[in-house]
Structures are given as structure tokens and as C-alpha cells.
N, C-alpha and C. Protein backbone atom coordinates (compact mmCIF):
# COMPACT_ATOMS: atom_id res chain seq x y z
N MET A 1 0.78 -1.24 -0.10
CA MET A 1 -0.18 0.00 -0.07
C MET A 1 1.06 1.12 0.23
N VAL A 2 0.66 1.97 -0.90
CA VAL A 2 1.37 3.32 -1.23
C VAL A 2 0.82 4.63 -1.39
N CYS A 3 1.19 5.47 -0.26
CA CYS A 3 0.88 7.00 -0.48
C CYS A 3 2.06 7.73 -0.65
N LEU A 4 1.60 9.19 -0.34
CA LEU A 4 3.01 9.90 -0.08
C LEU A 4 3.76 9.77 0.88
N GLY A 5 3.27 10.18 2.12
CA GLY A 5 4.02 10.15 3.31
C GLY A 5 3.96 8.80 4.41
N ASN A 6 3.28 8.04 4.08
CA ASN A 6 2.71 6.66 4.60
C ASN A 6 2.55 6.99 5.95
N ILE A 7 1.57 8.02 6.33
CA ILE A 7 0.94 8.17 7.63
C ILE A 7 -0.53 8.53 7.70
N CYS A 8 -1.02 8.69 6.59
CA CYS A 8 -2.53 8.60 6.51
C CYS A 8 -3.33 7.46 5.79
N ARG A 9 -3.44 7.57 4.36
CA ARG A 9 -4.12 6.82 3.83
C ARG A 9 -3.25 5.18 3.24
N SER A 10 -2.13 5.03 3.66
CA SER A 10 -1.28 3.97 3.20
C SER A 10 -1.44 2.92 4.66
N PRO A 11 -1.63 3.70 5.57
CA PRO A 11 -1.50 2.99 6.87
C PRO A 11 -2.79 2.57 7.22
N MET A 12 -3.96 3.24 6.98
CA MET A 12 -5.19 2.71 7.04
C MET A 12 -5.50 1.64 6.18
N ALA A 13 -5.16 1.61 4.66
CA ALA A 13 -5.27 0.62 3.53
C ALA A 13 -4.49 -0.67 4.14
N HIS A 14 -3.31 -0.23 4.91
CA HIS A 14 -2.66 -1.36 5.23
C HIS A 14 -3.49 -2.32 6.61
N GLY A 15 -3.62 -1.37 7.58
CA GLY A 15 -4.79 -1.95 8.59
C GLY A 15 -5.71 -2.91 7.79
N VAL A 16 -6.51 -2.24 6.90
CA VAL A 16 -7.71 -2.93 6.32
C VAL A 16 -7.60 -4.10 5.52
N LEU A 17 -6.33 -4.07 4.87
CA LEU A 17 -5.85 -5.39 4.27
C LEU A 17 -5.66 -6.46 5.24
N GLN A 18 -4.66 -6.20 6.34
CA GLN A 18 -4.35 -7.10 7.09
C GLN A 18 -5.71 -7.59 7.86
N SER A 19 -6.55 -6.87 7.83
CA SER A 19 -7.58 -7.19 8.73
C SER A 19 -8.50 -8.44 7.91
N GLU A 20 -8.55 -8.02 6.49
CA GLU A 20 -9.09 -8.66 5.49
C GLU A 20 -8.29 -10.17 5.59
N ILE A 21 -7.11 -10.19 5.24
CA ILE A 21 -6.45 -11.24 5.61
C ILE A 21 -6.47 -12.24 6.60
N ASP A 22 -6.58 -11.56 7.70
CA ASP A 22 -6.98 -12.20 9.06
C ASP A 22 -8.26 -13.10 8.81
N LYS A 23 -9.44 -12.39 8.43
CA LYS A 23 -10.75 -12.66 8.33
C LYS A 23 -10.68 -14.10 7.66
N ARG A 24 -9.96 -13.68 6.44
CA ARG A 24 -10.47 -14.66 5.25
C ARG A 24 -8.99 -16.11 5.68
N LYS A 25 -8.05 -15.99 6.51
CA LYS A 25 -7.42 -16.91 6.76
C LYS A 25 -6.26 -17.01 5.48
N LEU A 26 -5.96 -16.07 4.84
CA LEU A 26 -5.10 -15.86 3.78
C LEU A 26 -3.54 -16.12 3.85
N ASN A 27 -3.04 -16.45 3.42
CA ASN A 27 -1.52 -16.51 3.47
C ASN A 27 -0.68 -15.50 2.59
N TRP A 28 -1.20 -14.25 3.15
CA TRP A 28 -0.73 -12.99 2.32
C TRP A 28 0.39 -12.22 3.55
N GLU A 29 1.13 -11.41 3.03
CA GLU A 29 1.88 -10.28 3.47
C GLU A 29 1.57 -9.00 2.92
N VAL A 30 1.37 -8.32 3.99
CA VAL A 30 0.99 -6.79 3.51
C VAL A 30 2.03 -5.69 4.14
N ASP A 31 2.36 -4.55 3.72
CA ASP A 31 3.27 -3.77 3.90
C ASP A 31 2.54 -2.26 3.50
N SER A 32 3.48 -1.24 4.16
CA SER A 32 2.97 -0.29 3.34
C SER A 32 4.09 0.96 3.06
N ALA A 33 4.27 1.92 2.34
CA ALA A 33 5.33 2.98 2.35
C ALA A 33 4.97 4.29 1.69
N GLY A 34 5.45 5.13 1.72
CA GLY A 34 5.38 6.09 1.11
C GLY A 34 6.39 6.68 -0.04
N THR A 35 5.93 7.40 -0.98
CA THR A 35 7.06 7.70 -2.30
C THR A 35 7.92 9.02 -1.63
N SER A 36 7.47 9.41 -0.62
CA SER A 36 8.70 10.38 0.10
C SER A 36 8.96 10.03 1.34
N ALA A 37 10.14 10.74 2.07
CA ALA A 37 10.57 10.24 3.26
C ALA A 37 10.12 11.45 4.31
N PHE A 38 9.31 12.30 3.93
CA PHE A 38 8.75 13.46 5.05
C PHE A 38 8.76 13.01 5.97
N HIS A 39 7.92 11.72 6.70
CA HIS A 39 7.72 11.23 7.93
C HIS A 39 8.49 10.00 8.02
N ARG A 40 9.30 9.94 7.61
CA ARG A 40 10.03 8.26 7.75
C ARG A 40 10.45 8.18 9.24
N GLY A 41 9.97 6.82 9.45
CA GLY A 41 9.95 6.63 11.39
C GLY A 41 8.93 6.94 11.84
N ASP A 42 7.99 8.01 11.64
CA ASP A 42 6.87 8.01 12.39
C ASP A 42 5.72 7.20 12.07
N ALA A 43 5.13 7.03 13.44
CA ALA A 43 3.64 6.47 13.55
C ALA A 43 2.44 7.08 12.41
N PRO A 44 1.71 6.70 12.36
CA PRO A 44 0.59 6.97 11.50
C PRO A 44 -0.01 8.35 12.06
N ASP A 45 -0.69 9.28 11.34
CA ASP A 45 -1.31 10.61 11.89
C ASP A 45 -2.28 9.84 12.92
N ARG A 46 -2.49 10.86 14.28
CA ARG A 46 -3.24 10.41 15.28
C ARG A 46 -4.80 10.11 14.57
N ARG A 47 -5.50 11.05 13.47
CA ARG A 47 -6.52 10.80 13.39
C ARG A 47 -6.60 9.61 12.35
N ALA A 48 -5.90 9.08 11.60
CA ALA A 48 -5.78 7.90 10.94
C ALA A 48 -5.92 6.79 12.02
N ILE A 49 -4.85 6.98 13.03
CA ILE A 49 -5.06 5.74 13.98
C ILE A 49 -6.70 5.70 14.79
N GLU A 50 -6.89 6.97 14.84
CA GLU A 50 -8.28 7.04 15.40
C GLU A 50 -9.35 6.54 14.87
N THR A 51 -9.11 6.83 13.23
CA THR A 51 -10.42 6.13 12.49
C THR A 51 -10.30 4.79 12.23
N ALA A 52 -9.27 4.30 12.41
CA ALA A 52 -9.11 2.84 12.15
C ALA A 52 -9.64 2.20 13.35
N MET A 53 -9.08 2.71 14.72
CA MET A 53 -9.61 2.18 15.87
C MET A 53 -11.05 1.72 15.76
N ILE A 54 -11.96 2.98 15.41
CA ILE A 54 -13.21 2.73 15.30
C ILE A 54 -13.76 1.89 14.79
N HIS A 55 -13.10 1.39 13.99
CA HIS A 55 -13.43 -0.13 13.04
C HIS A 55 -12.54 -0.98 13.72
N SER A 56 -12.28 -1.05 14.76
CA SER A 56 -11.40 -2.30 15.42
C SER A 56 -10.04 -2.65 14.90
N ILE A 57 -9.49 -1.53 13.93
CA ILE A 57 -8.18 -1.88 13.62
C ILE A 57 -6.97 -1.07 14.21
N ASP A 58 -6.06 -1.90 14.80
CA ASP A 58 -5.12 -1.30 15.47
C ASP A 58 -3.76 -0.83 14.58
N ILE A 59 -3.59 0.47 14.07
CA ILE A 59 -2.45 0.66 12.97
C ILE A 59 -1.42 1.49 13.94
N SER A 60 -1.49 1.48 15.10
CA SER A 60 -0.45 2.57 15.68
C SER A 60 0.95 2.11 15.88
N ASP A 61 0.93 0.56 15.64
CA ASP A 61 2.47 0.13 15.41
C ASP A 61 3.40 0.23 14.29
N GLN A 62 2.28 0.65 13.27
CA GLN A 62 3.39 0.95 12.05
C GLN A 62 4.06 2.24 12.15
N ARG A 63 4.77 2.08 11.02
CA ARG A 63 6.06 3.07 10.78
C ARG A 63 6.37 3.92 9.56
N SER A 64 6.14 4.87 9.33
CA SER A 64 6.33 5.24 8.12
C SER A 64 7.81 4.95 7.35
N ARG A 65 8.05 4.48 6.17
CA ARG A 65 9.11 3.96 5.39
C ARG A 65 8.72 4.66 3.94
N LEU A 66 9.99 4.68 3.46
CA LEU A 66 10.05 5.06 1.92
C LEU A 66 9.98 3.55 1.05
N LEU A 67 9.33 3.78 0.18
CA LEU A 67 9.12 2.93 -0.91
C LEU A 67 10.49 2.82 -1.68
N VAL A 68 10.97 1.42 -1.83
CA VAL A 68 12.34 1.37 -2.43
C VAL A 68 12.28 0.38 -3.57
N SER A 69 13.02 0.43 -4.38
CA SER A 69 13.40 -0.62 -5.87
C SER A 69 12.64 -2.01 -5.32
N GLN A 70 13.33 -2.39 -4.08
CA GLN A 70 13.37 -3.84 -3.85
C GLN A 70 11.92 -4.16 -3.23
N ASP A 71 10.96 -3.12 -3.21
CA ASP A 71 9.69 -3.70 -2.96
C ASP A 71 8.90 -4.08 -4.11
N LEU A 72 9.14 -3.37 -5.15
CA LEU A 72 8.72 -4.10 -6.59
C LEU A 72 9.08 -5.28 -7.17
N LYS A 73 10.13 -5.85 -6.46
CA LYS A 73 10.76 -7.01 -6.86
C LYS A 73 10.11 -8.24 -5.90
N GLU A 74 9.82 -7.94 -4.30
CA GLU A 74 9.55 -8.38 -3.35
C GLU A 74 7.68 -8.79 -3.23
N TYR A 75 7.19 -8.15 -3.61
CA TYR A 75 5.76 -8.01 -3.76
C TYR A 75 4.99 -8.01 -4.87
N ASP A 76 3.98 -9.23 -4.72
CA ASP A 76 3.46 -9.35 -6.19
C ASP A 76 2.29 -8.27 -6.90
N VAL A 77 1.80 -7.35 -5.63
CA VAL A 77 1.16 -6.04 -5.93
C VAL A 77 1.68 -5.20 -5.33
N ILE A 78 1.83 -4.06 -6.03
CA ILE A 78 1.68 -2.38 -5.37
C ILE A 78 0.61 -1.69 -5.57
N VAL A 79 0.25 -1.10 -4.53
CA VAL A 79 -1.00 -0.58 -4.45
C VAL A 79 -1.01 0.63 -4.18
N THR A 80 -1.30 1.80 -5.19
CA THR A 80 -1.26 3.10 -4.88
C THR A 80 -2.26 3.83 -4.62
N MET A 81 -2.37 4.78 -4.08
CA MET A 81 -3.39 5.70 -3.39
C MET A 81 -3.89 6.87 -4.48
N ASP A 82 -3.27 7.21 -5.31
CA ASP A 82 -3.32 8.15 -6.41
C ASP A 82 -2.65 8.38 -7.55
N THR A 83 -2.93 9.05 -8.62
CA THR A 83 -1.81 8.79 -10.15
C THR A 83 -0.39 9.22 -9.84
N ASN A 84 -0.28 10.22 -9.05
CA ASN A 84 0.97 10.87 -8.69
C ASN A 84 1.80 9.72 -8.23
N ASN A 85 1.21 9.12 -6.89
CA ASN A 85 2.24 8.12 -6.04
C ASN A 85 2.43 7.11 -7.46
N TYR A 86 1.16 6.60 -8.04
CA TYR A 86 1.25 5.61 -8.86
C TYR A 86 2.32 6.05 -10.30
N ASN A 87 2.60 6.88 -10.73
CA ASN A 87 3.25 7.21 -11.75
C ASN A 87 4.81 7.26 -10.97
N ASN A 88 5.00 7.95 -9.77
CA ASN A 88 6.19 7.70 -8.87
C ASN A 88 6.63 6.49 -8.54
N THR A 89 5.69 5.53 -8.38
CA THR A 89 6.20 4.21 -8.47
C THR A 89 6.46 3.35 -9.87
N LEU A 90 5.93 3.74 -10.57
CA LEU A 90 6.27 3.22 -12.25
C LEU A 90 7.38 3.48 -12.32
N LYS A 91 8.09 4.76 -12.08
CA LYS A 91 9.14 5.08 -12.58
C LYS A 91 10.43 4.38 -11.80
N MET A 92 10.04 3.79 -10.36
CA MET A 92 10.76 3.06 -9.90
C MET A 92 11.28 1.19 -10.56
N ALA A 93 10.22 1.01 -11.23
CA ALA A 93 10.27 -0.34 -11.82
C ALA A 93 11.08 -0.37 -12.79
N GLU A 94 11.91 -1.49 -12.92
CA GLU A 94 12.94 -1.76 -13.75
C GLU A 94 12.65 -2.55 -15.29
N ASN A 95 11.51 -3.18 -15.05
CA ASN A 95 10.95 -3.97 -16.17
C ASN A 95 9.56 -4.04 -16.38
N ALA A 96 8.93 -4.58 -17.36
CA ALA A 96 7.77 -4.67 -17.45
C ALA A 96 6.71 -5.53 -16.53
N ASP A 97 7.50 -6.55 -15.95
CA ASP A 97 7.23 -7.32 -14.72
C ASP A 97 6.46 -6.46 -13.75
N GLU A 98 7.49 -5.57 -13.14
CA GLU A 98 7.45 -4.75 -11.95
C GLU A 98 6.47 -3.82 -12.20
N LYS A 99 6.73 -3.49 -13.17
CA LYS A 99 5.59 -2.23 -13.86
C LYS A 99 4.06 -2.63 -13.70
N SER A 100 3.85 -3.94 -14.38
CA SER A 100 2.57 -4.72 -13.97
C SER A 100 2.12 -4.89 -12.83
N LYS A 101 2.88 -4.80 -11.72
CA LYS A 101 2.63 -5.32 -10.26
C LYS A 101 1.65 -3.81 -9.84
N VAL A 102 2.17 -2.51 -10.28
CA VAL A 102 1.50 -1.27 -9.90
C VAL A 102 0.19 -1.20 -10.13
N LYS A 103 -0.67 -0.90 -9.36
CA LYS A 103 -2.02 -0.48 -9.34
C LYS A 103 -2.75 0.77 -8.55
N LEU A 104 -3.74 0.97 -9.01
CA LEU A 104 -4.31 2.18 -8.19
C LEU A 104 -5.75 1.59 -7.37
N LEU A 105 -5.66 1.74 -6.25
CA LEU A 105 -6.58 1.17 -5.10
C LEU A 105 -8.04 1.20 -5.49
N LEU A 106 -8.49 2.41 -6.20
CA LEU A 106 -9.97 2.50 -6.20
C LEU A 106 -10.17 2.12 -7.56
N ASN A 107 -9.50 1.62 -8.70
CA ASN A 107 -9.77 0.56 -9.75
C ASN A 107 -10.46 -0.58 -9.36
N TYR A 108 -9.79 -1.03 -8.17
CA TYR A 108 -10.64 -2.39 -7.55
C TYR A 108 -12.15 -2.14 -7.25
N SER A 109 -12.51 -1.14 -7.04
CA SER A 109 -14.09 -0.61 -6.47
C SER A 109 -14.81 0.04 -7.55
N HIS A 110 -13.89 0.78 -8.44
CA HIS A 110 -14.50 1.77 -9.66
C HIS A 110 -13.21 1.67 -10.75
N PRO A 111 -13.84 0.31 -11.34
CA PRO A 111 -12.54 -0.20 -12.61
C PRO A 111 -12.47 0.78 -13.66
N GLY A 112 -11.42 1.11 -14.02
CA GLY A 112 -10.83 1.79 -15.11
C GLY A 112 -10.94 3.62 -14.98
N GLU A 113 -11.41 3.81 -13.66
CA GLU A 113 -11.80 5.17 -13.62
C GLU A 113 -10.60 6.23 -13.11
N ASN A 114 -9.69 5.35 -12.38
CA ASN A 114 -8.42 5.99 -12.29
C ASN A 114 -8.60 7.17 -10.87
N ARG A 115 -9.67 6.99 -10.36
CA ARG A 115 -9.90 7.66 -9.00
C ARG A 115 -8.65 7.72 -8.16
N ALA A 116 -8.70 8.57 -7.53
CA ALA A 116 -7.72 8.77 -6.57
C ALA A 116 -8.35 8.80 -4.95
N VAL A 117 -7.68 8.10 -4.01
CA VAL A 117 -8.09 8.20 -2.66
C VAL A 117 -7.60 9.82 -2.29
N PRO A 118 -8.59 10.59 -1.80
CA PRO A 118 -8.06 11.87 -1.35
C PRO A 118 -7.19 11.71 -0.32
N ASP A 119 -6.44 12.73 -0.26
CA ASP A 119 -5.18 12.90 1.13
C ASP A 119 -6.17 13.40 2.08
N PRO A 120 -6.28 13.15 3.03
CA PRO A 120 -7.04 13.59 4.21
C PRO A 120 -6.17 14.65 5.03
N TYR A 121 -4.61 14.47 5.06
CA TYR A 121 -3.78 15.08 5.83
C TYR A 121 -4.20 16.65 6.30
N TYR A 122 -4.59 17.48 5.25
CA TYR A 122 -4.86 18.91 5.52
C TYR A 122 -6.42 18.99 5.55
N SER A 123 -6.78 18.04 4.71
CA SER A 123 -8.20 18.64 4.28
C SER A 123 -9.50 17.78 5.28
N GLY A 124 -8.84 16.94 5.99
CA GLY A 124 -9.75 16.08 6.82
C GLY A 124 -10.67 14.81 6.19
N GLY A 125 -11.46 14.52 6.47
CA GLY A 125 -12.31 13.75 5.83
C GLY A 125 -11.84 12.24 6.09
N PHE A 126 -11.42 11.88 7.32
CA PHE A 126 -10.89 10.47 7.34
C PHE A 126 -11.70 9.60 7.37
N ASP A 127 -12.96 9.76 7.70
CA ASP A 127 -14.12 8.65 7.86
C ASP A 127 -14.46 8.18 6.20
N TYR A 128 -14.57 9.19 5.41
CA TYR A 128 -14.73 9.03 4.09
C TYR A 128 -13.61 8.42 3.55
N VAL A 129 -12.33 8.97 3.90
CA VAL A 129 -11.15 8.21 3.02
C VAL A 129 -11.19 6.56 3.54
N TYR A 130 -11.26 6.41 4.85
CA TYR A 130 -11.42 5.05 5.51
C TYR A 130 -12.57 4.41 4.47
N ALA A 131 -13.77 4.92 4.28
CA ALA A 131 -14.72 4.33 3.80
C ALA A 131 -14.48 3.82 2.12
N LEU A 132 -14.06 4.61 1.35
CA LEU A 132 -13.45 4.03 0.32
C LEU A 132 -12.30 3.40 -0.03
N ILE A 133 -11.37 3.43 1.30
CA ILE A 133 -10.15 2.41 1.35
C ILE A 133 -10.93 1.14 1.31
N GLN A 134 -11.82 0.89 2.64
CA GLN A 134 -12.45 -0.41 2.87
C GLN A 134 -13.16 -0.99 1.85
N GLU A 135 -13.71 0.05 1.09
CA GLU A 135 -14.66 -0.81 -0.19
C GLU A 135 -13.82 -1.19 -1.10
N ALA A 136 -12.69 -0.57 -1.51
CA ALA A 136 -11.73 -1.04 -2.36
C ALA A 136 -10.96 -2.27 -2.32
N VAL A 137 -10.42 -2.44 -0.70
CA VAL A 137 -9.77 -3.42 -0.07
C VAL A 137 -10.78 -4.68 -0.35
N VAL A 138 -11.80 -4.63 0.09
CA VAL A 138 -12.71 -5.78 -0.03
C VAL A 138 -12.60 -6.29 -1.61
N ALA A 139 -13.03 -5.23 -2.21
CA ALA A 139 -13.15 -5.64 -3.95
C ALA A 139 -11.84 -6.14 -4.61
N MET A 140 -10.63 -5.66 -3.96
CA MET A 140 -9.11 -6.11 -4.56
C MET A 140 -9.26 -7.47 -3.86
N VAL A 141 -9.25 -7.73 -2.43
CA VAL A 141 -9.16 -9.15 -2.13
C VAL A 141 -10.38 -10.13 -3.05
N ASP A 142 -11.40 -9.83 -3.09
CA ASP A 142 -12.39 -10.70 -3.99
C ASP A 142 -11.58 -10.98 -5.16
N SER A 143 -11.03 -9.95 -5.43
CA SER A 143 -10.47 -10.22 -7.02
C SER A 143 -9.53 -10.88 -7.40
N LEU A 144 -8.45 -10.62 -6.34
CA LEU A 144 -7.28 -11.40 -5.90
C LEU A 144 -7.42 -13.16 -5.59
N THR A 145 -8.46 -13.19 -4.69
CA THR A 145 -8.69 -14.39 -4.38
C THR A 145 -9.60 -15.28 -5.78
N LYS A 146 -10.43 -14.40 -6.31
CA LYS A 146 -10.71 -15.07 -7.20
C LYS A 146 -9.96 -15.72 -8.28
N ASP A 147 -8.98 -14.88 -8.77
CA ASP A 147 -7.76 -14.94 -9.63
C ASP A 147 -7.37 -16.37 -9.17
N LYS A 148 -7.16 -16.77 -7.95
CA LYS A 148 -6.22 -17.74 -7.65
C LYS A 148 -7.16 -19.40 -7.51
N GLU A 149 -8.55 -19.16 -7.53
CA GLU A 149 -9.50 -20.20 -7.61
C GLU A 149 -8.99 -21.01 -8.82
């Protein structure tokens, strides 16, 4: 899960995906990162922590980290929150296989629309952003598990 600073959107998406993995007993690994190092080592924004906690998801132990090229080698799917982070992640890809791993989260709930998960850091709206993420993550897991059947 990738956003800009890795303190709002991607930590919430990380937490929602981990919750789905646990519920469905999937043998998946999830992580999150940012395309910038503005908040490297920081915990998620307190508003993101509070919003996730309302839904019984604890993201307080996560720490912001920078997305690195090794992530594109190690992970099967790299999910980005908006087109800027999508494009910045694509620039890190070294080959077509790595490029094919990079996806926009909301394309799972709104296929082909290339919608962005809005960044609530300055504007607020954490509940709305959480709802968007939750819907898309469930659609993503449904899609990816269907592909494995």
C-alpha cells in the first residue's frame, strides 16, 4: 500500500488489508510505504489511528518508511492511492513485470476510472477516506482470491 507520506492513507489501507487477510485466513503479507521520506520512522497520523480504531483496526504500531526498488521485486502487487504516487512508483520499476504489479486502489472498486483516494492530511475527511479504502480493499481481495481459484 503506497501513498505520499505513509502516515494517513496507506497505513489505513495496510490495516484494512491485514484485517481482511486475518478474516479470510489468507497466507499473504502486507506492508505500506510512501513515495517521500517526509515522515520516515513516524507513526501514522493520530486521526488515521483514531479512524481505524473505530473499526477495531489498530495501526498504531506501523511506522512510515520510504518505498524502495526492492519492494517492486519482493511484492506481487503494489497498490497506490493516487495517480501521482502511481506514476512515481512506476518510475522505480526496472522492467515490464514490475510495472505490471503497480495498481491504483480505487480501480478495484471503480474499474478503469483511475480515481484517487483523497489525502485527508490537510483537508480532513478521514471517515470518508476510510470508507473508500475499505470498499476497495474488499473488492481487491475478492478479485485477487478469485484469480487464485
